[in-house]
């Protein structure tokens, strides 16, 4: 039995308790073959379309039934949010509309808009499911798929952005901006609707995340709380960071300007990044410098923040404070004295 088959059996075993024997997609665990299936419009054992089984939606419903049995006081909430709907998009539209409503933006109006956008955009349908799995697989505190849909504001703000982004691209910019304002007010997450964000994204906690108008984020990226992808001043045009695939950005990291963060890089917590970062490197500090390199292709999937004291003691002398000619500061000083 090969490695992929082993992973599939492990993934399937997780859902025996829910009465589901389908193998769930391995995308969030880094299975690139499954990613190709996703990009072709397939997710796990189901293809987006009529007559096919939506494995994630089936899991959400099964989990909601178990939750209702454990906590009968939540049965009405779970029925209204999940069991009364016929697909993941309508359930998500209901949840988002009720969280974002106010006396002027009525929940019924918002739900009509949200559902219309999601039901007519296969790209959003795919992204929703990849995002759900990203939250479930990468956040150890998230024990069920239905928790992602019902409770995690990082997921809610991300999916609300996706709807606002679709509205922006369709020419409904005033509504998109109104939605952005409401998302920021309710969730504490400020994402410009013109920003471009890939699939399989984790906004862990989400609080304080700011993503500017011309920012671009690749697939399989994980962002912790307080991350800023901003401009470096009052310049106009393309002025925000470009984040490669599989990047892990630690809490309160600030990345400013039209710079490139290479694929598979890791930005340590509290770092200030002002220049391009090579792929698969670890950067830390104010301003941020390369302090090491990651072995895994996508640190966003493992969520291992390796910038620890032990790491720095053993690894940072190998790559820290390199000069333009590739020599470390200590090596440069020895050359000068010699």
Protein backbone atom coordinates (compact mmCIF):
# COMPACT_ATOMS: atom_id res chain seq x y z
CA UNK A 1 0.00 0.00 0.00
CA UNK A 2 1.43 3.36 -0.99
CA UNK A 3 1.52 6.57 1.10
CA UNK A 4 -1.50 8.15 -0.57
CA UNK A 5 -3.60 5.07 0.16
CA UNK A 6 -2.49 5.18 3.80
CA UNK A 7 -3.58 8.82 4.07
CA UNK A 8 -6.90 8.03 2.44
CA UNK A 9 -7.62 5.29 4.96
CA UNK A 10 -6.74 7.57 7.85
CA UNK A 11 -8.91 10.34 6.45
CA UNK A 12 -11.84 7.96 5.95
CA UNK A 13 -11.55 6.55 9.47
CA UNK A 14 -12.16 10.00 10.96
CA UNK A 15 -15.75 9.98 9.74
CA UNK A 16 -16.86 6.45 10.64
CA UNK A 17 -18.49 7.92 13.74
CA UNK A 18 -20.69 10.05 11.53
CA UNK A 19 -21.87 7.09 9.47
CA UNK A 20 -19.87 8.29 6.47
CA UNK A 21 -17.52 5.97 4.61
CA UNK A 22 -16.46 8.42 1.91
CA UNK A 23 -12.83 9.44 1.77
CA UNK A 24 -12.52 13.15 2.29
CA UNK A 25 -10.19 15.26 0.14
CA UNK A 26 -6.56 15.38 1.16
CA UNK A 27 -5.95 18.83 -0.28
CA UNK A 28 -5.39 20.51 3.07
CA UNK A 29 -2.82 17.86 3.98
CA UNK A 30 -0.76 18.71 0.91
CA UNK A 31 -1.86 15.98 -1.54
CA UNK A 32 -1.17 17.72 -4.84
CA UNK A 33 -3.01 15.09 -6.87
CA UNK A 34 -6.18 15.92 -4.97
CA UNK A 35 -5.50 19.61 -5.65
CA UNK A 36 -5.49 18.88 -9.37
CA UNK A 37 -8.86 17.16 -8.99
CA UNK A 38 -10.14 20.25 -7.20
CA UNK A 39 -8.93 22.55 -9.96
CA UNK A 40 -10.82 20.36 -12.44
CA UNK A 41 -14.01 20.95 -10.46
CA UNK A 42 -13.88 17.79 -8.35
CA UNK A 43 -13.57 17.54 -4.58
CA UNK A 44 -12.95 14.14 -3.04
CA UNK A 45 -15.69 11.81 -4.28
CA UNK A 46 -18.03 14.47 -5.59
CA UNK A 47 -18.11 16.75 -8.58
CA UNK A 48 -19.76 20.13 -8.25
CA UNK A 49 -23.10 19.71 -9.95
CA UNK A 50 -26.53 18.15 -9.71
CA UNK A 51 -26.76 14.50 -8.72
CA UNK A 52 -23.39 14.22 -7.03
CA UNK A 53 -22.68 13.76 -3.34
CA UNK A 54 -21.09 16.71 -1.56
CA UNK A 55 -18.94 14.96 1.03
CA UNK A 56 -18.23 18.03 3.16
CA UNK A 57 -21.91 19.01 3.24
CA UNK A 58 -22.83 15.45 4.25
CA UNK A 59 -20.32 15.63 7.11
CA UNK A 60 -21.65 19.02 8.24
CA UNK A 61 -25.21 17.65 8.42
CA UNK A 62 -24.16 14.47 10.21
CA UNK A 63 -22.16 16.43 12.76
CA UNK A 64 -25.05 18.86 13.31
CA UNK A 65 -27.35 15.94 14.15
CA UNK A 66 -24.89 14.67 16.73
CA UNK A 67 -24.48 18.16 18.18
CA UNK A 68 -28.25 18.50 18.51
CA UNK A 69 -28.40 15.21 20.40
CA UNK A 70 -25.64 16.33 22.77
CA UNK A 71 -27.08 19.82 23.32
CA UNK A 72 -30.87 19.84 22.76
CA UNK A 73 -30.96 23.56 23.60
CA UNK A 74 -29.11 24.14 20.30
CA UNK A 75 -31.42 21.99 18.19
CA UNK A 76 -33.45 24.91 16.83
CA UNK A 77 -30.28 26.87 16.03
CA UNK A 78 -28.73 23.88 14.27
CA UNK A 79 -31.90 23.18 12.32
CA UNK A 80 -32.23 26.78 11.16
CA UNK A 81 -28.55 27.07 10.28
CA UNK A 82 -27.94 23.70 8.66
CA UNK A 83 -30.68 21.06 8.51
CA UNK A 84 -33.31 23.31 6.92
CA UNK A 85 -31.07 23.95 3.88
CA UNK A 86 -30.42 21.74 0.88
CA UNK A 87 -26.78 22.63 0.23
CA UNK A 88 -23.69 24.15 1.81
CA UNK A 89 -24.08 27.44 -0.08
CA UNK A 90 -27.57 28.14 1.27
CA UNK A 91 -26.55 27.22 4.81
CA UNK A 92 -23.51 29.49 4.58
CA UNK A 93 -25.62 32.29 3.13
CA UNK A 94 -28.00 32.00 6.09
CA UNK A 95 -25.16 32.07 8.63
CA UNK A 96 -23.40 35.03 7.04
CA UNK A 97 -26.59 37.02 6.52
CA UNK A 98 -27.57 36.67 10.15
CA UNK A 99 -24.13 37.69 11.35
CA UNK A 100 -23.85 40.71 9.06
CA UNK A 101 -27.40 42.03 9.25
CA UNK A 102 -28.26 45.40 10.76
CA UNK A 103 -31.40 47.54 10.77
CA UNK A 104 -30.62 48.74 7.24
CA UNK A 105 -29.10 45.59 5.73
CA UNK A 106 -31.79 43.02 6.43
CA UNK A 107 -30.85 39.35 6.77
CA UNK A 108 -33.37 38.28 4.12
CA UNK A 109 -31.92 40.76 1.61
CA UNK A 110 -28.36 39.76 2.39
CA UNK A 111 -29.14 36.06 2.13
CA UNK A 112 -30.71 36.53 -1.30
CA UNK A 113 -27.59 38.35 -2.49
CA UNK A 114 -25.16 35.88 -0.93
CA UNK A 115 -26.91 32.76 -2.20
CA UNK A 116 -27.30 34.21 -5.70
CA UNK A 117 -23.57 34.93 -5.90
CA UNK A 118 -22.49 31.55 -4.53
CA UNK A 119 -24.92 29.44 -6.52
CA UNK A 120 -23.79 31.02 -9.78
CA UNK A 121 -20.04 30.93 -9.22
CA UNK A 122 -18.36 27.51 -9.35
CA UNK A 123 -15.06 29.07 -8.32
CA UNK A 124 -16.55 30.26 -5.04
CA UNK A 125 -18.22 26.89 -4.49
CA UNK A 126 -14.83 25.20 -4.81
CA UNK A 127 -13.06 27.77 -2.63
CA UNK A 128 -15.63 27.46 0.16
CA UNK A 129 -15.00 23.74 0.48
CA UNK A 130 -11.22 24.03 0.31
CA UNK A 131 -11.35 26.76 2.94
CA UNK A 132 -13.58 24.63 5.18
CA UNK A 133 -11.09 21.82 5.04
CA UNK A 134 -8.15 24.16 5.61
CA UNK A 135 -9.73 25.37 8.86
CA UNK A 136 -10.63 21.85 9.96
CA UNK A 137 -7.23 20.31 9.19
CA UNK A 138 -4.92 23.13 10.33
CA UNK A 139 -6.69 24.46 13.44
CA UNK A 140 -6.27 21.86 16.24
CA UNK A 141 -9.06 23.50 18.26
CA UNK A 142 -11.60 22.91 15.47
CA UNK A 143 -13.05 19.44 16.05
CA UNK A 144 -15.82 19.37 13.43
CA UNK A 145 -16.62 20.66 9.98
CA UNK A 146 -19.85 22.17 11.23
CA UNK A 147 -17.87 24.25 13.73
CA UNK A 148 -16.14 25.98 10.81
CA UNK A 149 -19.47 26.87 9.23
CA UNK A 150 -21.18 27.95 12.44
CA UNK A 151 -18.62 29.53 14.73
CA UNK A 152 -15.28 30.56 13.21
CA UNK A 153 -15.24 34.24 12.32
CA UNK A 154 -12.02 33.88 10.35
CA UNK A 155 -13.94 31.61 7.97
CA UNK A 156 -16.99 33.89 8.00
CA UNK A 157 -14.94 36.97 7.12
CA UNK A 158 -13.11 35.10 4.36
CA UNK A 159 -16.30 33.85 2.71
CA UNK A 160 -17.92 37.27 3.06
CA UNK A 161 -14.89 38.72 1.29
CA UNK A 162 -15.28 36.16 -1.51
CA UNK A 163 -18.84 37.35 -2.07
CA UNK A 164 -17.76 41.02 -1.95
CA UNK A 165 -14.96 40.24 -4.41
CA UNK A 166 -17.44 38.70 -6.86
CA UNK A 167 -19.69 41.76 -6.52
CA UNK A 168 -16.73 44.08 -7.09
CA UNK A 169 -15.71 42.22 -10.24
CA UNK A 170 -19.27 42.30 -11.57
CA UNK A 171 -19.37 46.10 -11.29
CA UNK A 172 -21.37 46.33 -8.05
CA UNK A 173 -18.56 48.20 -6.27
CA UNK A 174 -20.78 50.30 -4.01
CA UNK A 175 -22.41 47.18 -2.55
CA UNK A 176 -19.00 45.48 -2.27
CA UNK A 177 -17.61 48.41 -0.28
CA UNK A 178 -20.67 48.51 1.96
CA UNK A 179 -20.19 44.81 2.62
CA UNK A 180 -16.48 45.31 3.35
CA UNK A 181 -17.35 47.99 5.91
CA UNK A 182 -19.84 45.70 7.60
CA UNK A 183 -17.39 42.76 7.61
CA UNK A 184 -14.78 44.95 9.30
CA UNK A 185 -17.30 46.16 11.86
CA UNK A 186 -18.62 42.71 12.77
CA UNK A 187 -15.55 40.48 12.46
CA UNK A 188 -12.65 42.88 12.97
CA UNK A 189 -11.19 41.80 9.61
CA UNK A 190 -10.60 44.38 6.87
CA UNK A 191 -10.11 42.89 3.38
CA UNK A 192 -10.52 45.15 0.37
CA UNK A 193 -12.93 43.49 -2.08
CA UNK A 194 -10.48 44.03 -4.96
CA UNK A 195 -7.76 41.94 -3.29
CA UNK A 196 -7.09 38.54 -4.86
CA UNK A 197 -7.07 35.56 -2.51
CA UNK A 198 -6.52 31.95 -3.52
CA UNK A 199 -8.04 28.70 -2.24
CA UNK A 200 -7.45 26.59 0.84
CA UNK A 201 -6.87 29.66 3.00
CA UNK A 202 -6.78 29.74 6.81
CA UNK A 203 -7.44 32.98 8.70
CA UNK A 204 -6.74 31.61 12.15
CA UNK A 205 -8.76 33.73 14.62
CA UNK A 206 -8.91 36.49 12.00
CA UNK A 207 -8.97 39.37 14.45
CA UNK A 208 -7.03 42.38 13.21
CA UNK A 209 -6.20 41.02 9.75
CA UNK A 210 -5.84 43.80 7.14
CA UNK A 211 -5.41 43.04 3.42
CA UNK A 212 -5.03 45.91 0.97
CA UNK A 213 -6.59 46.55 -2.42
CA UNK A 214 -3.81 45.25 -4.69
CA UNK A 215 -2.65 42.39 -2.44
CA UNK A 216 -2.48 38.92 -3.96
CA UNK A 217 -2.47 35.73 -1.87
CA UNK A 218 -1.72 32.33 -3.38
CA UNK A 219 -3.27 28.96 -2.56
CA UNK A 220 -2.76 27.09 0.73
CA UNK A 221 -1.71 30.18 2.74
CA UNK A 222 -2.25 30.44 6.50
CA UNK A 223 -2.49 33.84 8.20
CA UNK A 224 -2.62 34.27 11.96
CA UNK A 225 -4.31 37.11 13.84
CA UNK A 226 -3.14 40.69 13.41
CA UNK A 227 -1.46 40.18 10.02
CA UNK A 228 -1.22 43.30 7.83
CA UNK A 229 -0.64 43.21 4.07
CA UNK A 230 -0.44 46.94 3.49
CA UNK A 231 1.07 49.72 1.42
CA UNK A 232 4.23 51.57 2.39
CA UNK A 233 2.88 55.09 1.96
CA UNK A 234 0.54 57.15 -0.17
CA UNK A 235 1.59 55.70 -3.50
CA UNK A 236 -1.15 54.63 -5.90
CA UNK A 237 -1.46 51.69 -8.23
CA UNK A 238 -0.02 48.27 -7.47
CA UNK A 239 1.26 48.86 -3.94
CA UNK A 240 0.53 45.79 -1.78
CA UNK A 241 2.35 42.48 -1.12
CA UNK A 242 2.19 39.38 -3.29
CA UNK A 243 2.12 36.22 -1.17
CA UNK A 244 3.22 32.95 -2.76
CA UNK A 245 1.63 29.55 -2.28
CA UNK A 246 1.95 27.62 0.97
CA UNK A 247 3.19 30.61 3.00
CA UNK A 248 2.72 30.71 6.78
CA UNK A 249 2.42 34.22 8.26
CA UNK A 250 2.70 34.46 12.04
CA UNK A 251 0.67 36.61 14.44
CA UNK A 252 1.01 40.40 14.11
CA UNK A 253 3.39 40.18 11.16
CA UNK A 254 3.38 43.30 8.97
CA UNK A 255 4.26 43.09 5.28
CA UNK A 256 4.37 46.42 3.45
CA UNK A 257 4.72 47.49 -0.15
CA UNK A 258 4.62 45.79 -3.54
CA UNK A 259 7.02 43.02 -2.54
CA UNK A 260 7.05 39.29 -3.18
CA UNK A 261 6.95 36.62 -0.49
CA UNK A 262 8.23 33.44 -2.10
CA UNK A 263 6.38 30.12 -2.12
CA UNK A 264 6.63 28.12 1.09
CA UNK A 265 8.14 30.93 3.17
CA UNK A 266 7.45 31.44 6.87
CA UNK A 267 7.11 34.89 8.45
CA UNK A 268 7.73 34.82 12.20
CA UNK A 269 5.37 36.51 14.64
CA UNK A 270 5.75 40.27 14.96
CA UNK A 271 8.05 40.62 11.94
CA UNK A 272 8.17 43.73 9.76
CA UNK A 273 8.83 42.71 6.15
CA UNK A 274 9.88 45.46 3.75
CA UNK A 275 11.63 43.59 0.92
CA UNK A 276 11.27 40.45 -1.17
CA UNK A 277 11.59 37.14 0.66
CA UNK A 278 13.10 34.06 -1.04
CA UNK A 279 11.00 30.88 -1.34
CA UNK A 280 11.07 28.43 1.58
CA UNK A 281 12.93 30.83 3.88
CA UNK A 282 12.19 31.77 7.47
CA UNK A 283 12.31 35.49 8.24
CA UNK A 284 12.07 37.26 11.58
CA UNK A 285 12.74 40.62 13.17
CA UNK A 286 12.22 44.35 12.64
CA UNK A 287 13.10 44.72 9.85
CA UNK A 288 12.80 41.06 8.96
CA UNK A 289 15.88 39.08 7.92
CA UNK A 290 16.34 35.52 6.71
CA UNK A 291 17.16 33.35 9.71
CA UNK A 292 16.74 29.89 8.25
CA UNK A 293 14.95 27.71 5.75
CA UNK A 294 11.99 25.35 5.99
CA UNK A 295 12.16 21.76 4.83
CA UNK A 296 8.48 21.17 4.09
CA UNK A 297 7.17 22.62 0.80
CA UNK A 298 4.13 24.22 2.44
CA UNK A 299 4.68 25.31 6.08
CA UNK A 300 1.12 26.65 6.01
CA UNK A 301 -0.11 23.06 6.16
CA UNK A 302 1.97 21.90 9.11
CA UNK A 303 1.48 25.17 11.04
CA UNK A 304 4.84 24.70 12.77
CA UNK A 305 6.12 28.08 13.88
CA UNK A 306 9.77 27.04 14.16
CA UNK A 307 11.20 30.40 15.19
CA UNK A 308 11.89 29.18 18.72
CA UNK A 309 14.86 29.76 20.98
CA UNK A 310 16.18 26.27 20.26
CA UNK A 311 15.79 26.86 16.52
CA UNK A 312 17.70 30.13 16.60
CA UNK A 313 20.53 28.68 18.69
CA UNK A 314 21.12 25.87 16.19
CA UNK A 315 20.05 27.27 12.85
CA UNK A 316 20.39 31.04 12.75
CA UNK A 317 24.24 31.09 12.63
CA UNK A 318 24.02 29.27 9.28
CA UNK A 319 22.09 31.95 7.48
CA UNK A 320 21.50 35.00 9.65
CA UNK A 321 22.76 38.48 8.74
CA UNK A 322 24.19 37.52 5.35
CA UNK A 323 25.90 40.29 3.40
CA UNK A 324 25.51 40.90 -0.31
CA UNK A 325 28.49 38.67 -1.11
CA UNK A 326 27.02 35.74 0.86
CA UNK A 327 29.29 36.06 3.88
CA UNK A 328 27.94 36.39 7.38
CA UNK A 329 28.68 39.48 9.46
CA UNK A 330 31.18 37.57 11.61
CA UNK A 331 32.95 36.20 8.51
CA UNK A 332 33.09 39.69 7.01
CA UNK A 333 34.60 41.08 10.20
CA UNK A 334 37.31 38.39 10.19
CA UNK A 335 38.22 39.27 6.60
CA UNK A 336 38.57 42.94 7.54
CA UNK A 337 40.86 42.17 10.48
CA UNK A 338 42.95 39.79 8.40
